Amino acid sequence: MSKMLRSGIIVSSLFFAVGYTSIASAAQGCGHGYHRNAYGACVLNAPGPNSSPAPYHPGCWRNAWGQLRCYR
């Protein structure tokens, strides 16, 4: 396996792990009902295209990466 391919796999695995795990600080410093997007801007929580309901959390859903998101 080439060094470049190996490095690419390691970096993509790292980005996947960071995106999949939840962030420890509530609302990521944006305030209740908001979260940071990939560009660092605070955006209002709303279900995305690949979201699914979170049955035991009223007003909440799980996004495509399994992170729990809620309306205000």
C-alpha atoms as a PDB file:
ATOM      1  CA  MET A   1       0.000   0.000   0.000  1.00  0.00           C
ATOM      2  CA  SER A   2       1.451   3.357  -0.930  1.00  0.00           C
ATOM      3  CA  LYS A   3       2.347   5.927   1.692  1.00  0.00           C
ATOM      4  CA  MET A   4      -0.080   8.454   0.161  1.00  0.00           C
ATOM      5  CA  LEU A   5      -3.019   6.019   0.276  1.00  0.00           C
ATOM      6  CA  ARG A   6      -2.216   5.039   3.853  1.00  0.00           C
ATOM      7  CA  SER A   7      -2.058   8.706   4.902  1.00  0.00           C
ATOM      8  CA  GLY A   8      -5.372   9.380   3.159  1.00  0.00           C
ATOM      9  CA  ILE A   9      -7.063   6.512   4.982  1.00  0.00           C
ATOM     10  CA  ILE A  10      -5.738   7.697   8.346  1.00  0.00           C
ATOM     11  CA  VAL A  11      -6.830  11.303   7.763  1.00  0.00           C
ATOM     12  CA  SER A  12     -10.295  10.317   6.512  1.00  0.00           C
ATOM     13  CA  SER A  13     -10.731   7.976   9.499  1.00  0.00           C
ATOM     14  CA  LEU A  14      -9.832  10.832  11.827  1.00  0.00           C
ATOM     15  CA  PHE A  15     -12.362  13.175  10.183  1.00  0.00           C
ATOM     16  CA  PHE A  16     -15.027  10.458  10.372  1.00  0.00           C
ATOM     17  CA  ALA A  17     -14.348   9.893  14.086  1.00  0.00           C
ATOM     18  CA  VAL A  18     -14.507  13.613  14.864  1.00  0.00           C
ATOM     19  CA  GLY A  19     -17.750  14.001  12.892  1.00  0.00           C
ATOM     20  CA  TYR A  20     -19.362  10.924  14.406  1.00  0.00           C
ATOM     21  CA  THR A  21     -18.677  11.578  18.065  1.00  0.00           C
ATOM     22  CA  SER A  22     -20.777  14.134  19.871  1.00  0.00           C
ATOM     23  CA  ILE A  23     -19.277  17.343  21.141  1.00  0.00           C
ATOM     24  CA  ALA A  24     -18.934  17.522  24.933  1.00  0.00           C
ATOM     25  CA  SER A  25     -19.894  21.182  25.333  1.00  0.00           C
ATOM     26  CA  ALA A  26     -23.628  21.819  25.108  1.00  0.00           C
ATOM     27  CA  ALA A  27     -24.657  23.638  21.925  1.00  0.00           C
ATOM     28  CA  GLN A  28     -20.977  23.983  21.002  1.00  0.00           C
ATOM     29  CA  GLY A  29     -20.890  27.517  22.423  1.00  0.00           C
ATOM     30  CA  CYS A  30     -23.747  28.749  20.217  1.00  0.00           C
ATOM     31  CA  GLY A  31     -26.594  28.745  22.743  1.00  0.00           C
ATOM     32  CA  HIS A  32     -29.562  26.440  23.235  1.00  0.00           C
ATOM     33  CA  GLY A  33     -31.225  25.345  19.982  1.00  0.00           C
ATOM     34  CA  TYR A  34     -28.179  26.101  17.818  1.00  0.00           C
ATOM     35  CA  HIS A  35     -25.047  24.227  16.770  1.00  0.00           C
ATOM     36  CA  ARG A  36     -21.902  24.898  14.748  1.00  0.00           C
ATOM     37  CA  ASN A  37     -21.876  23.867  11.116  1.00  0.00           C
ATOM     38  CA  ALA A  38     -18.816  22.629   9.207  1.00  0.00           C
ATOM     39  CA  TYR A  39     -17.710  26.239   8.594  1.00  0.00           C
ATOM     40  CA  GLY A  40     -17.862  27.228  12.277  1.00  0.00           C
ATOM     41  CA  ALA A  41     -21.002  29.376  12.005  1.00  0.00           C
ATOM     42  CA  CYS A  42     -23.873  28.976  14.493  1.00  0.00           C
ATOM     43  CA  VAL A  43     -27.052  27.685  12.820  1.00  0.00           C
ATOM     44  CA  LEU A  44     -30.546  26.914  14.120  1.00  0.00           C
ATOM     45  CA  ASN A  45     -31.202  23.216  14.720  1.00  0.00           C
ATOM     46  CA  ALA A  46     -33.511  21.710  12.071  1.00  0.00           C
ATOM     47  CA  PRO A  47     -33.844  18.125  10.773  1.00  0.00           C
ATOM     48  CA  GLY A  48     -31.663  17.447   7.736  1.00  0.00           C
ATOM     49  CA  PRO A  49     -32.325  15.138   4.783  1.00  0.00           C
ATOM     50  CA  ASN A  50     -30.986  11.967   6.451  1.00  0.00           C
ATOM     51  CA  SER A  51     -32.330  12.562   9.956  1.00  0.00           C
ATOM     52  CA  SER A  52     -34.444  10.110  11.935  1.00  0.00           C
ATOM     53  CA  PRO A  53     -36.782  10.565  14.922  1.00  0.00           C
ATOM     54  CA  ALA A  54     -35.422  10.129  18.458  1.00  0.00           C
ATOM     55  CA  PRO A  55     -38.400   8.378  20.145  1.00  0.00           C
ATOM     56  CA  TYR A  56     -37.531   9.070  23.797  1.00  0.00           C
ATOM     57  CA  HIS A  57     -36.563  12.706  23.199  1.00  0.00           C
ATOM     58  CA  PRO A  58     -39.598  14.877  22.302  1.00  0.00           C
ATOM     59  CA  GLY A  59     -38.737  17.583  19.770  1.00  0.00           C
ATOM     60  CA  CYS A  60     -35.436  15.888  18.893  1.00  0.00           C
ATOM     61  CA  TRP A  61     -33.978  13.798  16.074  1.00  0.00           C
ATOM     62  CA  ARG A  62     -30.718  12.066  15.166  1.00  0.00           C
ATOM     63  CA  ASN A  63     -28.778  13.467  12.232  1.00  0.00           C
ATOM     64  CA  ALA A  64     -26.986  11.432   9.552  1.00  0.00           C
ATOM     65  CA  TRP A  65     -24.017  10.868  11.927  1.00  0.00           C
ATOM     66  CA  GLY A  66     -26.188   9.726  14.850  1.00  0.00           C
ATOM     67  CA  GLN A  67     -25.822  12.947  16.851  1.00  0.00           C
ATOM     68  CA  LEU A  68     -28.868  13.997  18.890  1.00  0.00           C
ATOM     69  CA  ARG A  69     -30.251  17.399  17.838  1.00  0.00           C
ATOM     70  CA  CYS A  70     -33.267  19.210  19.303  1.00  0.00           C
ATOM     71  CA  TYR A  71     -35.389  22.256  18.579  1.00  0.00           C
ATOM     72  CA  ARG A  72     -35.106  25.028  21.116  1.00  0.00           C
END
